[in-house]
Amino acid sequence: MSGLAQLYGVFATILTVTACASNTTFNGVRQVDTIYMFAGVGGAMAYSVEKSGANLPPESGPWRFRREVSTNGPTFQAGADKRALEEVKARGFSVAIFTITIEGLPLDPE
């Protein structure tokens, strides 16, 4: 590794450590360890950086607080919620609307 690459790596690390203290990284993305889960209407579920949920969009509300969630678990690091966490870091919240459609079942069992 060249001296310039090593210097850049140290500089990026310093910026990241400083950013953790201020809750944002050097590129404007939030560093979050805890987020809050909410349930809305019509199958809407959300994660927010605000415990009150005040930043959640009103069209799927009213929002009901469900629980506090650690982002250090495997589902946020590499699993199903990784994309949601990226969105929370960028926008402060993430909303998903879950619907279930059942097709191909007979209406009258024979």
N, C-alpha and C. Protein backbone atom coordinates (compact mmCIF):
# COMPACT_ATOMS: atom_id res chain seq x y z
N MET A 1 0.85 -1.17 0.00
CA MET A 1 0.00 0.00 0.00
C MET A 1 0.89 1.23 0.00
N SER A 2 0.61 2.17 -0.87
CA SER A 2 1.44 3.37 -0.96
C SER A 2 1.23 4.25 0.26
N GLY A 3 2.16 5.15 0.48
CA GLY A 3 2.07 6.09 1.61
C GLY A 3 0.83 6.96 1.51
N LEU A 4 0.46 7.37 0.28
CA LEU A 4 -0.72 8.21 0.08
C LEU A 4 -2.00 7.43 0.43
N ALA A 5 -2.07 6.15 0.03
CA ALA A 5 -3.24 5.32 0.34
C ALA A 5 -3.36 5.11 1.84
N GLN A 6 -2.23 4.89 2.52
CA GLN A 6 -2.24 4.73 3.97
C GLN A 6 -2.71 6.02 4.65
N LEU A 7 -2.23 7.15 4.17
CA LEU A 7 -2.63 8.44 4.73
C LEU A 7 -4.12 8.67 4.53
N TYR A 8 -4.64 8.33 3.34
CA TYR A 8 -6.07 8.47 3.07
C TYR A 8 -6.87 7.58 4.01
N GLY A 9 -6.41 6.34 4.23
CA GLY A 9 -7.10 5.42 5.13
C GLY A 9 -7.16 5.95 6.55
N VAL A 10 -6.06 6.51 7.03
CA VAL A 10 -6.02 7.11 8.37
C VAL A 10 -6.96 8.31 8.42
N PHE A 11 -6.94 9.15 7.40
CA PHE A 11 -7.80 10.33 7.34
C PHE A 11 -9.27 9.93 7.35
N ALA A 12 -9.65 8.91 6.56
CA ALA A 12 -11.04 8.44 6.52
C ALA A 12 -11.45 7.88 7.87
N THR A 13 -10.52 7.17 8.53
CA THR A 13 -10.83 6.62 9.85
C THR A 13 -11.06 7.73 10.86
N ILE A 14 -10.23 8.76 10.82
CA ILE A 14 -10.40 9.90 11.74
C ILE A 14 -11.74 10.58 11.49
N LEU A 15 -12.09 10.77 10.23
CA LEU A 15 -13.38 11.40 9.91
C LEU A 15 -14.54 10.55 10.41
N THR A 16 -14.44 9.24 10.23
CA THR A 16 -15.52 8.36 10.67
C THR A 16 -15.65 8.37 12.19
N VAL A 17 -14.54 8.32 12.91
CA VAL A 17 -14.59 8.35 14.37
C VAL A 17 -15.17 9.68 14.84
N THR A 18 -14.76 10.76 14.24
CA THR A 18 -15.31 12.07 14.59
C THR A 18 -16.79 12.12 14.27
N ALA A 19 -17.17 11.56 13.14
CA ALA A 19 -18.57 11.57 12.73
C ALA A 19 -19.44 10.77 13.68
N CYS A 20 -18.95 9.67 14.22
CA CYS A 20 -19.74 8.88 15.15
C CYS A 20 -20.14 9.71 16.36
N ALA A 21 -19.25 10.58 16.77
CA ALA A 21 -19.57 11.43 17.90
C ALA A 21 -20.66 12.44 17.56
N SER A 22 -20.73 12.84 16.29
CA SER A 22 -21.73 13.83 15.90
C SER A 22 -22.94 13.21 15.21
N ASN A 23 -22.99 11.88 15.09
CA ASN A 23 -24.10 11.13 14.50
C ASN A 23 -24.19 11.25 12.98
N THR A 24 -23.18 11.77 12.30
CA THR A 24 -23.13 11.74 10.84
C THR A 24 -21.72 11.43 10.41
N THR A 25 -21.56 10.85 9.22
CA THR A 25 -20.23 10.59 8.70
C THR A 25 -19.81 11.76 7.83
N PHE A 26 -18.60 11.71 7.32
CA PHE A 26 -18.09 12.82 6.53
C PHE A 26 -18.86 13.03 5.24
N ASN A 27 -19.60 12.02 4.75
CA ASN A 27 -20.36 12.20 3.51
C ASN A 27 -21.85 12.44 3.77
N GLY A 28 -22.22 12.77 5.00
CA GLY A 28 -23.59 13.13 5.31
C GLY A 28 -24.50 11.97 5.67
N VAL A 29 -23.98 10.74 5.70
CA VAL A 29 -24.79 9.57 6.04
C VAL A 29 -24.73 9.37 7.55
N ARG A 30 -25.87 9.11 8.16
CA ARG A 30 -25.95 8.93 9.61
C ARG A 30 -25.25 7.66 10.06
N GLN A 31 -24.66 7.71 11.22
CA GLN A 31 -24.11 6.53 11.89
C GLN A 31 -25.09 6.19 13.00
N VAL A 32 -25.83 5.10 12.87
CA VAL A 32 -26.86 4.77 13.86
C VAL A 32 -26.65 3.37 14.43
N ASP A 33 -26.79 3.26 15.74
CA ASP A 33 -26.69 1.98 16.42
C ASP A 33 -28.06 1.48 16.86
N THR A 34 -28.99 2.41 17.04
CA THR A 34 -30.34 2.09 17.49
C THR A 34 -31.34 2.82 16.62
N ILE A 35 -32.36 2.12 16.18
CA ILE A 35 -33.46 2.77 15.47
C ILE A 35 -34.77 2.30 16.11
N TYR A 36 -35.87 2.88 15.70
CA TYR A 36 -37.15 2.62 16.32
C TYR A 36 -38.15 2.10 15.29
N MET A 37 -38.87 1.04 15.67
CA MET A 37 -39.82 0.39 14.76
C MET A 37 -41.23 0.88 15.05
N PHE A 38 -41.97 1.14 13.96
CA PHE A 38 -43.35 1.61 14.06
C PHE A 38 -44.24 0.81 13.13
N ALA A 39 -45.53 0.73 13.49
CA ALA A 39 -46.55 0.12 12.64
C ALA A 39 -47.53 1.20 12.25
N GLY A 40 -47.88 1.23 10.96
CA GLY A 40 -48.85 2.19 10.46
C GLY A 40 -50.12 1.46 10.04
N VAL A 41 -50.83 2.04 9.10
CA VAL A 41 -52.06 1.41 8.59
C VAL A 41 -51.80 0.77 7.24
N GLY A 42 -52.66 -0.19 6.86
CA GLY A 42 -52.56 -0.83 5.55
C GLY A 42 -51.31 -1.66 5.36
N GLY A 43 -50.78 -2.26 6.43
CA GLY A 43 -49.58 -3.09 6.33
C GLY A 43 -48.27 -2.32 6.35
N ALA A 44 -48.31 -1.04 6.67
CA ALA A 44 -47.08 -0.23 6.69
C ALA A 44 -46.28 -0.48 7.97
N MET A 45 -44.99 -0.68 7.79
CA MET A 45 -44.04 -0.79 8.89
C MET A 45 -42.92 0.19 8.60
N ALA A 46 -42.34 0.77 9.66
CA ALA A 46 -41.30 1.77 9.45
C ALA A 46 -40.22 1.67 10.50
N TYR A 47 -39.02 2.10 10.11
CA TYR A 47 -37.92 2.33 11.03
C TYR A 47 -37.63 3.82 10.98
N SER A 48 -37.28 4.39 12.14
CA SER A 48 -36.97 5.81 12.21
C SER A 48 -35.82 6.04 13.17
N VAL A 49 -35.07 7.13 12.95
CA VAL A 49 -34.04 7.53 13.90
C VAL A 49 -34.66 8.30 15.06
N GLU A 50 -35.91 8.72 14.90
CA GLU A 50 -36.59 9.49 15.95
C GLU A 50 -37.53 8.59 16.73
N LYS A 51 -37.35 8.53 18.03
CA LYS A 51 -38.18 7.67 18.88
C LYS A 51 -39.65 8.08 18.83
N SER A 52 -39.92 9.34 18.58
CA SER A 52 -41.30 9.82 18.50
C SER A 52 -41.96 9.45 17.17
N GLY A 53 -41.15 9.17 16.14
CA GLY A 53 -41.69 8.88 14.81
C GLY A 53 -42.18 10.12 14.09
N ALA A 54 -41.85 11.30 14.60
CA ALA A 54 -42.33 12.56 14.02
C ALA A 54 -41.89 12.76 12.58
N ASN A 55 -40.82 12.11 12.15
CA ASN A 55 -40.34 12.29 10.78
C ASN A 55 -40.97 11.31 9.79
N LEU A 56 -41.87 10.44 10.24
CA LEU A 56 -42.51 9.46 9.35
C LEU A 56 -43.60 10.12 8.52
N PRO A 57 -43.78 9.66 7.28
CA PRO A 57 -44.78 10.27 6.40
C PRO A 57 -46.21 10.03 6.92
N PRO A 58 -47.04 11.06 6.93
CA PRO A 58 -48.38 10.94 7.51
C PRO A 58 -49.35 10.06 6.71
N GLU A 59 -49.08 9.83 5.43
CA GLU A 59 -50.04 9.08 4.61
C GLU A 59 -50.23 7.63 5.05
N SER A 60 -49.29 7.05 5.77
CA SER A 60 -49.46 5.68 6.27
C SER A 60 -49.71 5.65 7.77
N GLY A 61 -49.94 6.81 8.37
CA GLY A 61 -50.18 6.91 9.81
C GLY A 61 -51.66 6.79 10.13
N PRO A 62 -52.00 6.79 11.37
CA PRO A 62 -51.13 7.12 12.51
C PRO A 62 -50.13 5.99 12.78
N TRP A 63 -48.95 6.40 13.23
CA TRP A 63 -47.87 5.46 13.51
C TRP A 63 -47.90 5.08 14.98
N ARG A 64 -47.73 3.78 15.25
CA ARG A 64 -47.69 3.28 16.62
C ARG A 64 -46.29 2.72 16.89
N PHE A 65 -45.67 3.21 17.95
CA PHE A 65 -44.35 2.74 18.35
C PHE A 65 -44.43 1.27 18.71
N ARG A 66 -43.50 0.47 18.18
CA ARG A 66 -43.45 -0.96 18.49
C ARG A 66 -42.29 -1.30 19.42
N ARG A 67 -41.07 -0.92 19.01
CA ARG A 67 -39.92 -1.25 19.85
C ARG A 67 -38.65 -0.57 19.37
N GLU A 68 -37.67 -0.56 20.25
CA GLU A 68 -36.33 -0.09 19.94
C GLU A 68 -35.56 -1.27 19.36
N VAL A 69 -34.74 -1.01 18.32
CA VAL A 69 -34.05 -2.09 17.62
C VAL A 69 -32.56 -1.74 17.49
N SER A 70 -31.69 -2.70 17.83
CA SER A 70 -30.25 -2.53 17.62
C SER A 70 -29.93 -2.83 16.16
N THR A 71 -29.10 -2.01 15.55
CA THR A 71 -28.71 -2.23 14.16
C THR A 71 -27.45 -3.08 14.03
N ASN A 72 -26.96 -3.62 15.13
CA ASN A 72 -25.74 -4.41 15.11
C ASN A 72 -25.97 -5.88 14.80
N GLY A 73 -27.23 -6.32 14.69
CA GLY A 73 -27.54 -7.71 14.44
C GLY A 73 -27.34 -8.10 12.98
N PRO A 74 -27.38 -9.40 12.70
CA PRO A 74 -27.11 -9.89 11.34
C PRO A 74 -28.14 -9.46 10.30
N THR A 75 -29.40 -9.25 10.67
CA THR A 75 -30.37 -8.85 9.65
C THR A 75 -30.12 -7.45 9.13
N PHE A 76 -29.52 -6.59 9.95
CA PHE A 76 -29.20 -5.24 9.48
C PHE A 76 -27.84 -5.18 8.80
N GLN A 77 -26.94 -6.05 9.16
CA GLN A 77 -25.60 -6.01 8.59
C GLN A 77 -25.52 -6.70 7.23
N ALA A 78 -26.26 -7.79 7.03
CA ALA A 78 -26.18 -8.51 5.76
C ALA A 78 -27.49 -9.17 5.36
N GLY A 79 -28.52 -9.00 6.16
CA GLY A 79 -29.75 -9.72 5.90
C GLY A 79 -30.84 -8.86 5.29
N ALA A 80 -32.06 -9.23 5.63
CA ALA A 80 -33.24 -8.64 5.01
C ALA A 80 -33.39 -7.15 5.26
N ASP A 81 -32.91 -6.65 6.37
CA ASP A 81 -33.11 -5.23 6.70
C ASP A 81 -31.92 -4.34 6.34
N LYS A 82 -30.94 -4.88 5.63
CA LYS A 82 -29.76 -4.09 5.27
C LYS A 82 -30.14 -2.87 4.43
N ARG A 83 -31.00 -3.07 3.44
CA ARG A 83 -31.41 -1.95 2.59
C ARG A 83 -32.20 -0.91 3.38
N ALA A 84 -33.06 -1.38 4.29
CA ALA A 84 -33.83 -0.46 5.14
C ALA A 84 -32.88 0.38 5.99
N LEU A 85 -31.83 -0.23 6.53
CA LEU A 85 -30.87 0.51 7.33
C LEU A 85 -30.15 1.56 6.50
N GLU A 86 -29.79 1.23 5.27
CA GLU A 86 -29.15 2.20 4.38
C GLU A 86 -30.07 3.39 4.13
N GLU A 87 -31.35 3.12 3.97
CA GLU A 87 -32.32 4.19 3.75
C GLU A 87 -32.49 5.05 5.01
N VAL A 88 -32.50 4.41 6.17
CA VAL A 88 -32.59 5.15 7.44
C VAL A 88 -31.38 6.07 7.60
N LYS A 89 -30.21 5.56 7.27
CA LYS A 89 -29.00 6.38 7.38
C LYS A 89 -29.05 7.58 6.44
N ALA A 90 -29.60 7.40 5.26
CA ALA A 90 -29.65 8.48 4.27
C ALA A 90 -30.79 9.46 4.52
N ARG A 91 -31.99 8.95 4.91
CA ARG A 91 -33.18 9.81 4.99
C ARG A 91 -33.73 10.01 6.40
N GLY A 92 -33.28 9.17 7.35
CA GLY A 92 -33.79 9.26 8.71
C GLY A 92 -34.95 8.32 8.97
N PHE A 93 -35.46 7.67 7.93
CA PHE A 93 -36.54 6.69 8.08
C PHE A 93 -36.61 5.79 6.86
N SER A 94 -37.33 4.68 7.03
CA SER A 94 -37.61 3.76 5.94
C SER A 94 -39.00 3.19 6.17
N VAL A 95 -39.81 3.16 5.12
CA VAL A 95 -41.18 2.63 5.21
C VAL A 95 -41.32 1.49 4.22
N ALA A 96 -41.93 0.41 4.68
CA ALA A 96 -42.26 -0.73 3.81
C ALA A 96 -43.73 -1.05 4.03
N ILE A 97 -44.42 -1.37 2.93
CA ILE A 97 -45.82 -1.75 3.03
C ILE A 97 -45.94 -3.21 2.62
N PHE A 98 -46.41 -4.02 3.54
CA PHE A 98 -46.52 -5.45 3.33
C PHE A 98 -47.95 -5.81 2.95
N THR A 99 -48.08 -6.54 1.86
CA THR A 99 -49.39 -7.06 1.44
C THR A 99 -49.24 -8.53 1.13
N ILE A 100 -50.31 -9.27 1.30
CA ILE A 100 -50.32 -10.69 0.99
C ILE A 100 -51.40 -10.94 -0.05
N THR A 101 -51.01 -11.58 -1.13
CA THR A 101 -51.95 -11.96 -2.18
C THR A 101 -51.91 -13.47 -2.32
N ILE A 102 -53.07 -14.08 -2.22
CA ILE A 102 -53.15 -15.53 -2.36
C ILE A 102 -53.84 -15.82 -3.68
N GLU A 103 -53.15 -16.54 -4.56
CA GLU A 103 -53.69 -16.87 -5.87
C GLU A 103 -53.70 -18.37 -6.07
N GLY A 104 -54.61 -18.82 -6.90
CA GLY A 104 -54.62 -20.21 -7.30
C GLY A 104 -55.31 -21.16 -6.35
N LEU A 105 -55.95 -20.65 -5.32
CA LEU A 105 -56.69 -21.52 -4.42
C LEU A 105 -58.12 -21.68 -4.93
N PRO A 106 -58.65 -22.87 -4.87
CA PRO A 106 -60.03 -23.06 -5.31
C PRO A 106 -61.00 -22.36 -4.35
N LEU A 107 -62.05 -21.77 -4.93
CA LEU A 107 -63.05 -21.10 -4.12
C LEU A 107 -63.98 -22.11 -3.46
N ASP A 108 -64.26 -23.20 -4.16
CA ASP A 108 -65.11 -24.26 -3.63
C ASP A 108 -64.32 -25.55 -3.58
N PRO A 109 -63.96 -26.03 -2.39
CA PRO A 109 -63.23 -27.30 -2.35
C PRO A 109 -64.14 -28.45 -2.81
N GLU A 110 -63.59 -29.32 -3.62
CA GLU A 110 -64.39 -30.45 -4.15
C GLU A 110 -64.20 -31.71 -3.38
